Amino acid sequence: MDEEIKLISERLKGLRDVLEISVEEMAETYGCETEKYIAVENGEAEPSVSGLSKIAKKYGVSVDSICKLNNMTFKQASRIRVGQVLRIK
């Protein structure tokens, strides 16, 4: 597996876990079956650009931030929802 895809997959799963969003809800957001989304999170399937865009929109972040969280930890991440910022601790 490509190292970059593995990192993106780990970030997707980590963000979902931290934000306590079900895999079923993310599969619906991504526009696929739950099994397919699990494969994306496990690095067994490459995420599509359109899928990453949908995920980024749900999380209130940019696609770039999902792909390049180089120096950002989940503790530093925040989620923006209708005018309020939720800090992830």
C-alpha atoms as a PDB file:
ATOM      1  CA  MET A   1       0.000   0.000   0.000  1.00  0.00           C
ATOM      2  CA  ASP A   2       1.204   3.509  -0.840  1.00  0.00           C
ATOM      3  CA  GLU A   3       2.444   5.245   2.314  1.00  0.00           C
ATOM      4  CA  GLU A   4       0.470   8.433   1.563  1.00  0.00           C
ATOM      5  CA  ILE A   5      -2.775   6.487   1.101  1.00  0.00           C
ATOM      6  CA  LYS A   6      -2.097   4.690   4.379  1.00  0.00           C
ATOM      7  CA  LEU A   7      -1.660   8.032   6.186  1.00  0.00           C
ATOM      8  CA  ILE A   8      -4.838   9.471   4.670  1.00  0.00           C
ATOM      9  CA  SER A   9      -6.742   6.324   5.657  1.00  0.00           C
ATOM     10  CA  GLU A  10      -5.454   6.556   9.232  1.00  0.00           C
ATOM     11  CA  ARG A  11      -6.462  10.233   9.395  1.00  0.00           C
ATOM     12  CA  LEU A  12      -9.964   9.488   8.118  1.00  0.00           C
ATOM     13  CA  LYS A  13     -10.479   6.789  10.732  1.00  0.00           C
ATOM     14  CA  GLY A  14      -8.876   8.859  13.481  1.00  0.00           C
ATOM     15  CA  LEU A  15     -11.014  11.919  12.792  1.00  0.00           C
ATOM     16  CA  ARG A  16     -14.170   9.816  12.637  1.00  0.00           C
ATOM     17  CA  ASP A  17     -13.309   8.140  15.936  1.00  0.00           C
ATOM     18  CA  VAL A  18     -12.457  11.415  17.679  1.00  0.00           C
ATOM     19  CA  LEU A  19     -15.652  13.054  16.430  1.00  0.00           C
ATOM     20  CA  GLU A  20     -17.663   9.943  17.361  1.00  0.00           C
ATOM     21  CA  ILE A  21     -19.279   9.576  13.954  1.00  0.00           C
ATOM     22  CA  SER A  22     -20.421   6.112  12.936  1.00  0.00           C
ATOM     23  CA  VAL A  23     -18.885   4.351   9.971  1.00  0.00           C
ATOM     24  CA  GLU A  24     -22.395   4.011   8.534  1.00  0.00           C
ATOM     25  CA  GLU A  25     -22.904   7.780   8.641  1.00  0.00           C
ATOM     26  CA  MET A  26     -19.552   8.383   6.928  1.00  0.00           C
ATOM     27  CA  ALA A  27     -20.327   5.783   4.264  1.00  0.00           C
ATOM     28  CA  GLU A  28     -23.564   7.644   3.543  1.00  0.00           C
ATOM     29  CA  THR A  29     -21.660  10.941   3.353  1.00  0.00           C
ATOM     30  CA  TYR A  30     -19.044   9.357   1.084  1.00  0.00           C
ATOM     31  CA  GLY A  31     -21.799   7.874  -1.078  1.00  0.00           C
ATOM     32  CA  CYS A  32     -20.978   4.190  -0.837  1.00  0.00           C
ATOM     33  CA  GLU A  33     -21.755   0.991   1.003  1.00  0.00           C
ATOM     34  CA  THR A  34     -20.402   0.640   4.548  1.00  0.00           C
ATOM     35  CA  GLU A  35     -18.012  -2.143   3.500  1.00  0.00           C
ATOM     36  CA  LYS A  36     -16.463   0.071   0.815  1.00  0.00           C
ATOM     37  CA  TYR A  37     -15.947   2.919   3.282  1.00  0.00           C
ATOM     38  CA  ILE A  38     -14.344   0.550   5.784  1.00  0.00           C
ATOM     39  CA  ALA A  39     -11.968  -0.537   3.002  1.00  0.00           C
ATOM     40  CA  VAL A  40     -11.061   3.135   2.425  1.00  0.00           C
ATOM     41  CA  GLU A  41     -10.376   3.649   6.160  1.00  0.00           C
ATOM     42  CA  ASN A  42      -8.302   0.469   6.261  1.00  0.00           C
ATOM     43  CA  GLY A  43      -6.226   1.537   3.260  1.00  0.00           C
ATOM     44  CA  GLU A  44      -7.531  -1.352   1.168  1.00  0.00           C
ATOM     45  CA  ALA A  45      -9.195   1.035  -1.315  1.00  0.00           C
ATOM     46  CA  GLU A  46      -8.004   4.457  -2.420  1.00  0.00           C
ATOM     47  CA  PRO A  47     -10.348   7.311  -1.544  1.00  0.00           C
ATOM     48  CA  SER A  48     -11.729   9.248  -4.484  1.00  0.00           C
ATOM     49  CA  VAL A  49     -11.240  12.993  -4.774  1.00  0.00           C
ATOM     50  CA  SER A  50     -15.005  13.512  -4.740  1.00  0.00           C
ATOM     51  CA  GLY A  51     -15.299  11.279  -1.665  1.00  0.00           C
ATOM     52  CA  LEU A  52     -12.563  13.201   0.149  1.00  0.00           C
ATOM     53  CA  SER A  53     -14.336  16.424  -0.760  1.00  0.00           C
ATOM     54  CA  LYS A  54     -17.593  15.186   0.776  1.00  0.00           C
ATOM     55  CA  ILE A  55     -15.793  14.035   3.928  1.00  0.00           C
ATOM     56  CA  ALA A  56     -13.922  17.325   4.271  1.00  0.00           C
ATOM     57  CA  LYS A  57     -17.183  19.246   3.932  1.00  0.00           C
ATOM     58  CA  LYS A  58     -18.824  17.132   6.671  1.00  0.00           C
ATOM     59  CA  TYR A  59     -15.847  17.674   8.999  1.00  0.00           C
ATOM     60  CA  GLY A  60     -15.666  21.388   8.155  1.00  0.00           C
ATOM     61  CA  VAL A  61     -12.067  21.148   6.942  1.00  0.00           C
ATOM     62  CA  SER A  62     -10.290  21.324   3.593  1.00  0.00           C
ATOM     63  CA  VAL A  63      -9.301  18.277   1.560  1.00  0.00           C
ATOM     64  CA  ASP A  64      -5.750  19.557   1.879  1.00  0.00           C
ATOM     65  CA  SER A  65      -5.950  19.355   5.661  1.00  0.00           C
ATOM     66  CA  ILE A  66      -6.996  15.703   5.446  1.00  0.00           C
ATOM     67  CA  CYS A  67      -4.149  14.929   3.079  1.00  0.00           C
ATOM     68  CA  LYS A  68      -1.491  16.993   4.877  1.00  0.00           C
ATOM     69  CA  LEU A  69      -1.996  16.912   8.629  1.00  0.00           C
ATOM     70  CA  ASN A  70       1.799  16.816   8.935  1.00  0.00           C
ATOM     71  CA  ASN A  71       2.204  18.754  12.176  1.00  0.00           C
ATOM     72  CA  MET A  72      -1.363  18.669  13.385  1.00  0.00           C
ATOM     73  CA  THR A  73      -2.478  16.273  16.078  1.00  0.00           C
ATOM     74  CA  PHE A  74      -6.053  15.291  16.741  1.00  0.00           C
ATOM     75  CA  LYS A  75      -5.855  17.317  19.965  1.00  0.00           C
ATOM     76  CA  GLN A  76      -5.270  20.434  17.876  1.00  0.00           C
ATOM     77  CA  ALA A  77      -8.075  19.713  15.420  1.00  0.00           C
ATOM     78  CA  SER A  78     -11.374  21.517  15.633  1.00  0.00           C
ATOM     79  CA  ARG A  79     -14.705  21.042  13.946  1.00  0.00           C
ATOM     80  CA  ILE A  80     -16.745  24.000  12.825  1.00  0.00           C
ATOM     81  CA  ARG A  81     -20.505  23.617  12.893  1.00  0.00           C
ATOM     82  CA  VAL A  82     -22.900  26.464  12.112  1.00  0.00           C
ATOM     83  CA  GLY A  83     -20.918  29.241  13.738  1.00  0.00           C
ATOM     84  CA  GLN A  84     -19.467  27.322  16.648  1.00  0.00           C
ATOM     85  CA  VAL A  85     -16.083  25.691  17.021  1.00  0.00           C
ATOM     86  CA  LEU A  86     -15.859  22.389  18.823  1.00  0.00           C
ATOM     87  CA  ARG A  87     -12.340  21.708  20.108  1.00  0.00           C
ATOM     88  CA  ILE A  88     -11.177  18.115  20.077  1.00  0.00           C
ATOM     89  CA  LYS A  89      -9.291  17.290  23.247  1.00  0.00           C
END
